[in-house]
Amino acid sequence: MEKQNHSMVSEFILLGLVSYRFAFSCFFSIIYIAIILGNLIIILVVKLDPHLHSPMYFLLANLSFIDMSLASFATPKMICALFSEYKAISYEGCMAQMFLLHLLGGSEMMLLVAMAVDRFIAICKPLHYKTIMSHRVCIGLALLSWTTGFVHTMSQMVFTVTLPFCGPTVVDSFFCDLPQVIRLACTDTYILEVLVIAFSGLLSLFCFIFLFISYSTILITVQHRSSSGSSKALSTLPAHITVVVLFFGRCIFIYIWPFNRVSIDKILSVFYTIFTPLLNPIIYTFRNKDMRKAIRKIKTKQVSSRSTL
């Protein structure tokens, strides 16, 4: 019987925006291109400049990769839907979107924790920084973030894929958002909704508390120290804190009002999947002297190599 229910729904309809579709499609297309270019620049600059081969920039390059993926899992489909009248997404595509959303979201949370650990050691233990934050440890932190994201998304999806869907099929969002899709199931989903809030909420709460304690300890430590090494590491702190506030501000809002205020949820979903991945490279490049210097150096090399030709 459950298989029959699954087969009755082969696709979902993504409602998204119903007005000014052409204007929004052009706007989101420009934003999406900027996201890909901005984050690719960070990854390439970190790879090409030897001075940026450090733990902080290794983790930053991983963050840029996650941001590109976060913007790409649903944005191209959303843009195509805005350009055309066809707004359907297959059942499999919908499940894939939710899987990727929670995989990338959980991974980014833990990566922000890893970046906080890096800044904590750089500022509070500057003499032991290179010993503690070895390349092996950095790879371990990156793998931990992806593993956390995978466990997080599996804890959500293992229950969702077994739900029977027999209609309605309209998802009032730009992409398949888990709370929206769960409500379309032909069964009582109250317990599952609570589990979704609990799993996602606990991960968000743990990461937020850890980040709050880490950055608070860093600021207290800096008040009692004034070494040049700590000052240089401290200069990168505002960018990290800004990104954390942008990321967790949305999470906190969503889990305070998880299953209502659909119009607000739409705005926050767009902010989370489009504007946050766009703001991250802007924050880390314009507020980071080393990144700006590395970009100028690469530009100079490019110009000089062309002039010799």
C-alpha atoms as a PDB file:
ATOM      1  CA  MET A   1       0.000   0.000   0.000  1.00  0.00           C
ATOM      2  CA  GLU A   2       2.847   2.372   0.813  1.00  0.00           C
ATOM      3  CA  LYS A   3       4.431   1.779  -2.598  1.00  0.00           C
ATOM      4  CA  GLN A   4       1.122   2.651  -4.257  1.00  0.00           C
ATOM      5  CA  ASN A   5       0.985   5.942  -2.395  1.00  0.00           C
ATOM      6  CA  HIS A   6       4.541   6.756  -3.449  1.00  0.00           C
ATOM      7  CA  SER A   7       3.741   6.041  -7.102  1.00  0.00           C
ATOM      8  CA  MET A   8       0.688   8.311  -7.043  1.00  0.00           C
ATOM      9  CA  VAL A   9       2.947  11.386  -6.706  1.00  0.00           C
ATOM     10  CA  SER A  10       5.652  11.529  -9.355  1.00  0.00           C
ATOM     11  CA  GLU A  11       6.375  15.251  -9.034  1.00  0.00           C
ATOM     12  CA  PHE A  12       5.855  18.333  -6.875  1.00  0.00           C
ATOM     13  CA  ILE A  13       4.947  21.861  -7.965  1.00  0.00           C
ATOM     14  CA  LEU A  14       7.238  24.626  -6.676  1.00  0.00           C
ATOM     15  CA  LEU A  15       5.086  27.719  -6.284  1.00  0.00           C
ATOM     16  CA  GLY A  16       7.850  30.205  -5.489  1.00  0.00           C
ATOM     17  CA  LEU A  17       7.210  33.664  -6.881  1.00  0.00           C
ATOM     18  CA  VAL A  18       4.044  34.283  -8.868  1.00  0.00           C
ATOM     19  CA  SER A  19       4.657  37.919  -9.881  1.00  0.00           C
ATOM     20  CA  TYR A  20       7.518  39.831 -11.527  1.00  0.00           C
ATOM     21  CA  ARG A  21       8.968  36.501 -12.614  1.00  0.00           C
ATOM     22  CA  PHE A  22      11.127  37.824 -15.460  1.00  0.00           C
ATOM     23  CA  ALA A  23      12.661  40.568 -13.299  1.00  0.00           C
ATOM     24  CA  PHE A  24      13.386  38.113 -10.467  1.00  0.00           C
ATOM     25  CA  SER A  25      14.820  35.517 -12.865  1.00  0.00           C
ATOM     26  CA  CYS A  26      17.275  38.066 -14.302  1.00  0.00           C
ATOM     27  CA  PHE A  27      18.172  39.303 -10.818  1.00  0.00           C
ATOM     28  CA  PHE A  28      18.767  35.813  -9.418  1.00  0.00           C
ATOM     29  CA  SER A  29      20.765  34.839 -12.530  1.00  0.00           C
ATOM     30  CA  ILE A  30      23.159  37.740 -11.955  1.00  0.00           C
ATOM     31  CA  ILE A  31      23.430  36.916  -8.249  1.00  0.00           C
ATOM     32  CA  TYR A  32      24.093  33.232  -8.999  1.00  0.00           C
ATOM     33  CA  ILE A  33      26.877  34.053 -11.480  1.00  0.00           C
ATOM     34  CA  ALA A  34      28.408  36.409  -8.894  1.00  0.00           C
ATOM     35  CA  ILE A  35      28.293  33.634  -6.249  1.00  0.00           C
ATOM     36  CA  ILE A  36      30.077  31.138  -8.490  1.00  0.00           C
ATOM     37  CA  LEU A  37      32.715  33.649  -9.618  1.00  0.00           C
ATOM     38  CA  GLY A  38      33.289  35.073  -6.123  1.00  0.00           C
ATOM     39  CA  ASN A  39      33.753  31.719  -4.440  1.00  0.00           C
ATOM     40  CA  LEU A  40      35.820  30.324  -7.329  1.00  0.00           C
ATOM     41  CA  ILE A  41      38.147  33.304  -7.004  1.00  0.00           C
ATOM     42  CA  ILE A  42      38.688  32.537  -3.313  1.00  0.00           C
ATOM     43  CA  ILE A  43      39.412  28.857  -4.026  1.00  0.00           C
ATOM     44  CA  LEU A  44      41.820  29.663  -6.885  1.00  0.00           C
ATOM     45  CA  VAL A  45      43.619  32.454  -4.989  1.00  0.00           C
ATOM     46  CA  VAL A  46      44.126  30.188  -1.953  1.00  0.00           C
ATOM     47  CA  LYS A  47      45.414  27.445  -4.260  1.00  0.00           C
ATOM     48  CA  LEU A  48      47.754  29.687  -6.309  1.00  0.00           C
ATOM     49  CA  ASP A  49      49.262  31.922  -3.605  1.00  0.00           C
ATOM     50  CA  PRO A  50      51.788  30.077  -1.372  1.00  0.00           C
ATOM     51  CA  HIS A  51      51.352  32.709   1.362  1.00  0.00           C
ATOM     52  CA  LEU A  52      47.756  31.557   1.787  1.00  0.00           C
ATOM     53  CA  HIS A  53      48.657  27.898   2.322  1.00  0.00           C
ATOM     54  CA  SER A  54      47.633  28.074   5.972  1.00  0.00           C
ATOM     55  CA  PRO A  55      44.897  26.372   8.033  1.00  0.00           C
ATOM     56  CA  MET A  56      42.617  29.416   8.021  1.00  0.00           C
ATOM     57  CA  TYR A  57      42.610  29.739   4.234  1.00  0.00           C
ATOM     58  CA  PHE A  58      42.342  25.993   3.728  1.00  0.00           C
ATOM     59  CA  LEU A  59      39.131  26.070   5.760  1.00  0.00           C
ATOM     60  CA  LEU A  60      38.004  29.234   3.957  1.00  0.00           C
ATOM     61  CA  ALA A  61      38.422  27.485   0.580  1.00  0.00           C
ATOM     62  CA  ASN A  62      36.278  24.613   1.913  1.00  0.00           C
ATOM     63  CA  LEU A  63      33.646  27.138   3.013  1.00  0.00           C
ATOM     64  CA  SER A  64      33.632  28.648  -0.489  1.00  0.00           C
ATOM     65  CA  PHE A  65      33.124  25.198  -2.010  1.00  0.00           C
ATOM     66  CA  ILE A  66      30.166  24.546   0.309  1.00  0.00           C
ATOM     67  CA  ASP A  67      28.717  27.980  -0.497  1.00  0.00           C
ATOM     68  CA  MET A  68      28.940  27.281  -4.241  1.00  0.00           C
ATOM     69  CA  SER A  69      27.224  23.945  -3.713  1.00  0.00           C
ATOM     70  CA  LEU A  70      24.598  25.505  -1.432  1.00  0.00           C
ATOM     71  CA  ALA A  71      23.753  28.045  -4.108  1.00  0.00           C
ATOM     72  CA  SER A  72      23.733  25.411  -6.880  1.00  0.00           C
ATOM     73  CA  PHE A  73      21.529  22.685  -5.403  1.00  0.00           C
ATOM     74  CA  ALA A  74      18.312  24.650  -6.080  1.00  0.00           C
ATOM     75  CA  THR A  75      19.045  28.055  -7.644  1.00  0.00           C
ATOM     76  CA  PRO A  76      19.411  26.922 -11.312  1.00  0.00           C
ATOM     77  CA  LYS A  77      16.100  25.048 -11.047  1.00  0.00           C
ATOM     78  CA  MET A  78      14.484  28.084  -9.443  1.00  0.00           C
ATOM     79  CA  ILE A  79      15.743  30.384 -12.224  1.00  0.00           C
ATOM     80  CA  CYS A  80      14.467  28.002 -14.916  1.00  0.00           C
ATOM     81  CA  ALA A  81      11.071  27.857 -13.200  1.00  0.00           C
ATOM     82  CA  LEU A  82      10.901  31.662 -13.142  1.00  0.00           C
ATOM     83  CA  PHE A  83      11.703  31.855 -16.857  1.00  0.00           C
ATOM     84  CA  SER A  84       9.109  29.239 -17.823  1.00  0.00           C
ATOM     85  CA  GLU A  85       5.603  28.152 -16.900  1.00  0.00           C
ATOM     86  CA  TYR A  86       6.785  24.649 -15.951  1.00  0.00           C
ATOM     87  CA  LYS A  87       7.364  24.648 -12.189  1.00  0.00           C
ATOM     88  CA  ALA A  88       7.347  20.911 -11.464  1.00  0.00           C
ATOM     89  CA  ILE A  89      10.162  18.920  -9.916  1.00  0.00           C
ATOM     90  CA  SER A  90      10.274  15.129  -9.859  1.00  0.00           C
ATOM     91  CA  TYR A  91       9.808  13.181  -6.632  1.00  0.00           C
ATOM     92  CA  GLU A  92      13.440  12.031  -6.827  1.00  0.00           C
ATOM     93  CA  GLY A  93      14.641  15.579  -7.544  1.00  0.00           C
ATOM     94  CA  CYS A  94      12.693  16.892  -4.569  1.00  0.00           C
ATOM     95  CA  MET A  95      14.210  14.282  -2.231  1.00  0.00           C
ATOM     96  CA  ALA A  96      17.683  15.091  -3.643  1.00  0.00           C
ATOM     97  CA  GLN A  97      17.209  18.802  -2.954  1.00  0.00           C
ATOM     98  CA  MET A  98      16.286  18.170   0.681  1.00  0.00           C
ATOM     99  CA  PHE A  99      19.181  15.734   1.077  1.00  0.00           C
ATOM    100  CA  LEU A 100      21.686  18.263  -0.306  1.00  0.00           C
ATOM    101  CA  LEU A 101      20.226  21.161   1.675  1.00  0.00           C
ATOM    102  CA  HIS A 102      20.752  19.418   5.015  1.00  0.00           C
ATOM    103  CA  LEU A 103      24.070  17.864   3.963  1.00  0.00           C
ATOM    104  CA  LEU A 104      25.516  21.252   3.014  1.00  0.00           C
ATOM    105  CA  GLY A 105      23.830  23.123   5.867  1.00  0.00           C
ATOM    106  CA  GLY A 106      25.105  20.695   8.501  1.00  0.00           C
ATOM    107  CA  SER A 107      28.572  20.669   6.930  1.00  0.00           C
ATOM    108  CA  GLU A 108      28.751  24.470   6.922  1.00  0.00           C
ATOM    109  CA  MET A 109      27.756  24.646  10.581  1.00  0.00           C
ATOM    110  CA  MET A 110      30.576  22.326  11.600  1.00  0.00           C
ATOM    111  CA  LEU A 111      33.024  24.077   9.272  1.00  0.00           C
ATOM    112  CA  LEU A 112      32.252  27.371  11.012  1.00  0.00           C
ATOM    113  CA  VAL A 113      33.031  25.584  14.288  1.00  0.00           C
ATOM    114  CA  ALA A 114      36.318  24.359  12.803  1.00  0.00           C
ATOM    115  CA  MET A 115      37.160  27.920  11.723  1.00  0.00           C
ATOM    116  CA  ALA A 116      36.411  29.121  15.258  1.00  0.00           C
ATOM    117  CA  VAL A 117      38.780  26.466  16.643  1.00  0.00           C
ATOM    118  CA  ASP A 118      41.450  27.684  14.214  1.00  0.00           C
ATOM    119  CA  ARG A 119      41.045  31.321  15.343  1.00  0.00           C
ATOM    120  CA  PHE A 120      40.966  30.265  19.006  1.00  0.00           C
ATOM    121  CA  ILE A 121      44.310  28.463  18.716  1.00  0.00           C
ATOM    122  CA  ALA A 122      45.834  31.239  16.575  1.00  0.00           C
ATOM    123  CA  ILE A 123      44.972  33.911  19.157  1.00  0.00           C
ATOM    124  CA  CYS A 124      45.048  32.032  22.461  1.00  0.00           C
ATOM    125  CA  LYS A 125      47.912  29.601  21.653  1.00  0.00           C
ATOM    126  CA  PRO A 126      49.969  31.453  19.012  1.00  0.00           C
ATOM    127  CA  LEU A 127      53.279  29.712  19.824  1.00  0.00           C
ATOM    128  CA  HIS A 128      51.738  26.257  19.337  1.00  0.00           C
ATOM    129  CA  TYR A 129      49.538  27.191  16.368  1.00  0.00           C
ATOM    130  CA  LYS A 130      51.591  25.544  13.607  1.00  0.00           C
ATOM    131  CA  THR A 131      52.113  22.402  15.688  1.00  0.00           C
ATOM    132  CA  ILE A 132      48.457  21.967  16.622  1.00  0.00           C
ATOM    133  CA  MET A 133      46.902  23.052  13.313  1.00  0.00           C
ATOM    134  CA  SER A 134      48.868  20.716  11.069  1.00  0.00           C
ATOM    135  CA  HIS A 135      47.738  19.840   7.559  1.00  0.00           C
ATOM    136  CA  ARG A 136      46.524  16.486   8.853  1.00  0.00           C
ATOM    137  CA  VAL A 137      44.379  18.176  11.507  1.00  0.00           C
ATOM    138  CA  CYS A 138      42.912  20.557   8.897  1.00  0.00           C
ATOM    139  CA  ILE A 139      41.911  17.669   6.648  1.00  0.00           C
ATOM    140  CA  GLY A 140      40.428  15.923   9.689  1.00  0.00           C
ATOM    141  CA  LEU A 141      38.339  19.008  10.536  1.00  0.00           C
ATOM    142  CA  ALA A 142      37.096  19.256   6.944  1.00  0.00           C
ATOM    143  CA  LEU A 143      36.169  15.553   6.915  1.00  0.00           C
ATOM    144  CA  LEU A 144      34.446  15.952  10.286  1.00  0.00           C
ATOM    145  CA  SER A 145      32.302  18.774   8.917  1.00  0.00           C
ATOM    146  CA  TRP A 146      31.207  16.682   5.905  1.00  0.00           C
ATOM    147  CA  THR A 147      30.583  13.641   8.108  1.00  0.00           C
ATOM    148  CA  THR A 148      28.426  15.728  10.444  1.00  0.00           C
ATOM    149  CA  GLY A 149      26.466  17.041   7.470  1.00  0.00           C
ATOM    150  CA  PHE A 150      25.932  13.509   6.153  1.00  0.00           C
ATOM    151  CA  VAL A 151      24.749  12.163   9.520  1.00  0.00           C
ATOM    152  CA  HIS A 152      22.499  15.200   9.927  1.00  0.00           C
ATOM    153  CA  THR A 153      20.822  14.826   6.531  1.00  0.00           C
ATOM    154  CA  MET A 154      20.419  11.064   6.906  1.00  0.00           C
ATOM    155  CA  SER A 155      18.695  11.591  10.272  1.00  0.00           C
ATOM    156  CA  GLN A 156      16.138  13.741   8.418  1.00  0.00           C
ATOM    157  CA  MET A 157      15.781  11.836   5.152  1.00  0.00           C
ATOM    158  CA  VAL A 158      15.576   8.278   6.510  1.00  0.00           C
ATOM    159  CA  PHE A 159      12.075   9.119   7.782  1.00  0.00           C
ATOM    160  CA  THR A 160      11.029  11.433   4.948  1.00  0.00           C
ATOM    161  CA  VAL A 161      11.581   8.996   2.065  1.00  0.00           C
ATOM    162  CA  THR A 162       9.227   6.477   3.697  1.00  0.00           C
ATOM    163  CA  LEU A 163       6.301   8.927   3.871  1.00  0.00           C
ATOM    164  CA  PRO A 164       3.316   8.260   1.586  1.00  0.00           C
ATOM    165  CA  PHE A 165       2.490  11.156  -0.773  1.00  0.00           C
ATOM    166  CA  CYS A 166      -0.843  11.059  -2.592  1.00  0.00           C
ATOM    167  CA  GLY A 167      -1.591  14.776  -3.018  1.00  0.00           C
ATOM    168  CA  PRO A 168      -1.719  17.765  -2.834  1.00  0.00           C
ATOM    169  CA  THR A 169       1.652  18.401  -4.498  1.00  0.00           C
ATOM    170  CA  VAL A 170       2.110  22.186  -4.272  1.00  0.00           C
ATOM    171  CA  VAL A 171       5.188  23.284  -2.298  1.00  0.00           C
ATOM    172  CA  ASP A 172       4.885  26.976  -1.436  1.00  0.00           C
ATOM    173  CA  SER A 173       8.607  27.630  -1.708  1.00  0.00           C
ATOM    174  CA  PHE A 174      11.414  28.100  -4.235  1.00  0.00           C
ATOM    175  CA  PHE A 175      12.713  24.598  -3.613  1.00  0.00           C
ATOM    176  CA  CYS A 176      11.755  21.457  -1.705  1.00  0.00           C
ATOM    177  CA  ASP A 177      12.048  22.585   1.891  1.00  0.00           C
ATOM    178  CA  LEU A 178      11.645  19.766   4.407  1.00  0.00           C
ATOM    179  CA  PRO A 179       8.892  21.298   6.616  1.00  0.00           C
ATOM    180  CA  GLN A 180       6.867  22.244   3.515  1.00  0.00           C
ATOM    181  CA  VAL A 181       7.143  18.779   1.938  1.00  0.00           C
ATOM    182  CA  ILE A 182       6.433  16.858   5.150  1.00  0.00           C
ATOM    183  CA  ARG A 183       3.064  18.602   5.482  1.00  0.00           C
ATOM    184  CA  LEU A 184       2.009  17.186   2.090  1.00  0.00           C
ATOM    185  CA  ALA A 185       2.246  13.573   3.290  1.00  0.00           C
ATOM    186  CA  CYS A 186      -0.961  11.532   3.502  1.00  0.00           C
ATOM    187  CA  THR A 187      -0.429  10.661   7.143  1.00  0.00           C
ATOM    188  CA  ASP A 188      -0.040  12.308  10.536  1.00  0.00           C
ATOM    189  CA  THR A 189       3.435  13.906  10.532  1.00  0.00           C
ATOM    190  CA  TYR A 190       3.365  15.661  13.900  1.00  0.00           C
ATOM    191  CA  ILE A 191       5.991  13.372  15.469  1.00  0.00           C
ATOM    192  CA  LEU A 192       8.222  13.674  12.400  1.00  0.00           C
ATOM    193  CA  GLU A 193       7.917  17.461  12.462  1.00  0.00           C
ATOM    194  CA  VAL A 194       9.015  17.443  16.102  1.00  0.00           C
ATOM    195  CA  LEU A 195      11.950  15.161  15.239  1.00  0.00           C
ATOM    196  CA  VAL A 196      13.014  17.458  12.386  1.00  0.00           C
ATOM    197  CA  ILE A 197      12.997  20.454  14.727  1.00  0.00           C
ATOM    198  CA  ALA A 198      14.816  18.461  17.418  1.00  0.00           C
ATOM    199  CA  PHE A 199      17.597  17.099  15.165  1.00  0.00           C
ATOM    200  CA  SER A 200      18.234  20.363  13.315  1.00  0.00           C
ATOM    201  CA  GLY A 201      17.686  22.488  16.390  1.00  0.00           C
ATOM    202  CA  LEU A 202      20.112  20.514  18.553  1.00  0.00           C
ATOM    203  CA  LEU A 203      22.863  20.684  15.926  1.00  0.00           C
ATOM    204  CA  SER A 204      22.298  24.417  15.438  1.00  0.00           C
ATOM    205  CA  LEU A 205      22.192  25.019  19.201  1.00  0.00           C
ATOM    206  CA  PHE A 206      25.382  23.018  19.845  1.00  0.00           C
ATOM    207  CA  CYS A 207      27.295  24.843  17.105  1.00  0.00           C
ATOM    208  CA  PHE A 208      25.978  28.253  18.158  1.00  0.00           C
ATOM    209  CA  ILE A 209      26.854  27.751  21.844  1.00  0.00           C
ATOM    210  CA  PHE A 210      30.315  26.442  20.918  1.00  0.00           C
ATOM    211  CA  LEU A 211      30.915  29.421  18.630  1.00  0.00           C
ATOM    212  CA  PHE A 212      29.634  31.887  21.222  1.00  0.00           C
ATOM    213  CA  ILE A 213      31.925  30.459  23.930  1.00  0.00           C
ATOM    214  CA  SER A 214      34.909  30.308  21.536  1.00  0.00           C
ATOM    215  CA  TYR A 215      34.641  33.882  20.295  1.00  0.00           C
ATOM    216  CA  SER A 216      33.850  35.197  23.782  1.00  0.00           C
ATOM    217  CA  THR A 217      36.992  33.483  25.115  1.00  0.00           C
ATOM    218  CA  ILE A 218      39.016  34.930  22.232  1.00  0.00           C
ATOM    219  CA  LEU A 219      37.819  38.479  22.938  1.00  0.00           C
ATOM    220  CA  ILE A 220      38.532  38.114  26.661  1.00  0.00           C
ATOM    221  CA  THR A 221      41.996  36.742  25.898  1.00  0.00           C
ATOM    222  CA  VAL A 222      42.770  39.619  23.528  1.00  0.00           C
ATOM    223  CA  GLN A 223      41.917  42.148  26.255  1.00  0.00           C
ATOM    224  CA  HIS A 224      44.733  40.712  28.372  1.00  0.00           C
ATOM    225  CA  ARG A 225      47.241  40.403  25.520  1.00  0.00           C
ATOM    226  CA  SER A 226      48.647  42.779  22.949  1.00  0.00           C
ATOM    227  CA  SER A 227      51.215  40.698  21.041  1.00  0.00           C
ATOM    228  CA  SER A 228      51.680  41.353  17.311  1.00  0.00           C
ATOM    229  CA  GLY A 229      50.808  37.751  16.462  1.00  0.00           C
ATOM    230  CA  SER A 230      47.545  37.953  18.335  1.00  0.00           C
ATOM    231  CA  SER A 231      46.747  41.341  16.774  1.00  0.00           C
ATOM    232  CA  LYS A 232      47.242  39.957  13.271  1.00  0.00           C
ATOM    233  CA  ALA A 233      45.022  36.960  14.027  1.00  0.00           C
ATOM    234  CA  LEU A 234      42.465  39.277  15.635  1.00  0.00           C
ATOM    235  CA  SER A 235      42.192  41.297  12.404  1.00  0.00           C
ATOM    236  CA  THR A 236      40.507  38.286  10.763  1.00  0.00           C
ATOM    237  CA  LEU A 237      37.984  37.904  13.606  1.00  0.00           C
ATOM    238  CA  PRO A 238      35.299  40.420  12.510  1.00  0.00           C
ATOM    239  CA  ALA A 239      34.809  38.576   9.218  1.00  0.00           C
ATOM    240  CA  HIS A 240      34.332  35.247  11.020  1.00  0.00           C
ATOM    241  CA  ILE A 241      31.853  36.701  13.509  1.00  0.00           C
ATOM    242  CA  THR A 242      29.879  38.428  10.720  1.00  0.00           C
ATOM    243  CA  VAL A 243      29.516  35.173   8.787  1.00  0.00           C
ATOM    244  CA  VAL A 244      28.433  33.297  11.930  1.00  0.00           C
ATOM    245  CA  VAL A 245      25.758  35.918  12.713  1.00  0.00           C
ATOM    246  CA  LEU A 246      24.434  35.809   9.129  1.00  0.00           C
ATOM    247  CA  PHE A 247      24.280  32.016   9.114  1.00  0.00           C
ATOM    248  CA  PHE A 248      22.815  31.355  12.551  1.00  0.00           C
ATOM    249  CA  GLY A 249      20.494  34.359  12.567  1.00  0.00           C
ATOM    250  CA  ARG A 250      18.391  32.661   9.906  1.00  0.00           C
ATOM    251  CA  CYS A 251      18.548  29.280  11.687  1.00  0.00           C
ATOM    252  CA  ILE A 252      17.340  30.738  14.973  1.00  0.00           C
ATOM    253  CA  PHE A 253      14.451  32.523  13.263  1.00  0.00           C
ATOM    254  CA  ILE A 254      13.357  29.412  11.351  1.00  0.00           C
ATOM    255  CA  TYR A 255      13.310  27.202  14.454  1.00  0.00           C
ATOM    256  CA  ILE A 256      11.397  29.748  16.525  1.00  0.00           C
ATOM    257  CA  TRP A 257       8.650  29.766  13.855  1.00  0.00           C
ATOM    258  CA  PRO A 258       9.284  26.485  12.011  1.00  0.00           C
ATOM    259  CA  PHE A 259       5.900  25.697  10.457  1.00  0.00           C
ATOM    260  CA  ASN A 260       4.189  29.016   9.854  1.00  0.00           C
ATOM    261  CA  ARG A 261       4.830  32.472   8.358  1.00  0.00           C
ATOM    262  CA  VAL A 262       5.312  31.056   4.867  1.00  0.00           C
ATOM    263  CA  SER A 263       6.083  34.412   3.204  1.00  0.00           C
ATOM    264  CA  ILE A 264       8.836  35.157   5.738  1.00  0.00           C
ATOM    265  CA  ASP A 265      10.149  31.621   5.324  1.00  0.00           C
ATOM    266  CA  LYS A 266      10.409  32.219   1.568  1.00  0.00           C
ATOM    267  CA  ILE A 267      12.519  35.331   2.096  1.00  0.00           C
ATOM    268  CA  LEU A 268      14.777  33.568   4.587  1.00  0.00           C
ATOM    269  CA  SER A 269      15.160  30.555   2.279  1.00  0.00           C
ATOM    270  CA  VAL A 270      16.359  32.824  -0.535  1.00  0.00           C
ATOM    271  CA  PHE A 271      18.668  34.634   1.882  1.00  0.00           C
ATOM    272  CA  TYR A 272      20.127  31.336   3.100  1.00  0.00           C
ATOM    273  CA  THR A 273      20.707  29.760  -0.324  1.00  0.00           C
ATOM    274  CA  ILE A 274      21.599  32.848  -2.381  1.00  0.00           C
ATOM    275  CA  PHE A 275      22.613  35.905  -0.375  1.00  0.00           C
ATOM    276  CA  THR A 276      24.691  34.180   2.320  1.00  0.00           C
ATOM    277  CA  PRO A 277      26.912  32.412  -0.279  1.00  0.00           C
ATOM    278  CA  LEU A 278      27.257  35.809  -2.009  1.00  0.00           C
ATOM    279  CA  LEU A 279      28.095  37.742   1.159  1.00  0.00           C
ATOM    280  CA  ASN A 280      30.723  35.279   2.410  1.00  0.00           C
ATOM    281  CA  PRO A 281      33.293  35.958  -0.365  1.00  0.00           C
ATOM    282  CA  ILE A 282      32.597  39.709  -0.118  1.00  0.00           C
ATOM    283  CA  ILE A 283      33.173  39.680   3.646  1.00  0.00           C
ATOM    284  CA  TYR A 284      36.335  37.561   3.473  1.00  0.00           C
ATOM    285  CA  THR A 285      37.925  39.407   0.533  1.00  0.00           C
ATOM    286  CA  PHE A 286      37.159  43.041   1.318  1.00  0.00           C
ATOM    287  CA  ARG A 287      37.898  42.702   5.031  1.00  0.00           C
ATOM    288  CA  ASN A 288      41.020  40.581   4.602  1.00  0.00           C
ATOM    289  CA  LYS A 289      44.310  42.274   3.700  1.00  0.00           C
ATOM    290  CA  ASP A 290      46.066  39.017   2.790  1.00  0.00           C
ATOM    291  CA  MET A 291      43.316  38.046   0.331  1.00  0.00           C
ATOM    292  CA  ARG A 292      43.311  41.491  -1.297  1.00  0.00           C
ATOM    293  CA  LYS A 293      47.088  41.444  -1.547  1.00  0.00           C
ATOM    294  CA  ALA A 294      47.081  37.952  -3.087  1.00  0.00           C
ATOM    295  CA  ILE A 295      44.431  38.955  -5.653  1.00  0.00           C
ATOM    296  CA  ARG A 296      46.463  42.048  -6.648  1.00  0.00           C
ATOM    297  CA  LYS A 297      49.590  39.913  -6.945  1.00  0.00           C
ATOM    298  CA  ILE A 298      47.864  37.428  -9.260  1.00  0.00           C
ATOM    299  CA  LYS A 299      46.452  40.291 -11.351  1.00  0.00           C
ATOM    300  CA  THR A 300      49.928  41.815 -11.670  1.00  0.00           C
ATOM    301  CA  LYS A 301      51.372  38.469 -12.799  1.00  0.00           C
ATOM    302  CA  GLN A 302      48.595  38.107 -15.364  1.00  0.00           C
ATOM    303  CA  VAL A 303      49.221  41.607 -16.778  1.00  0.00           C
ATOM    304  CA  SER A 304      53.004  41.126 -16.888  1.00  0.00           C
ATOM    305  CA  SER A 305      52.711  37.737 -18.603  1.00  0.00           C
ATOM    306  CA  ARG A 306      50.396  39.217 -21.268  1.00  0.00           C
ATOM    307  CA  SER A 307      52.754  42.162 -21.877  1.00  0.00           C
ATOM    308  CA  THR A 308      55.709  39.804 -22.440  1.00  0.00           C
ATOM    309  CA  LEU A 309      53.661  37.944 -25.063  1.00  0.00           C
END
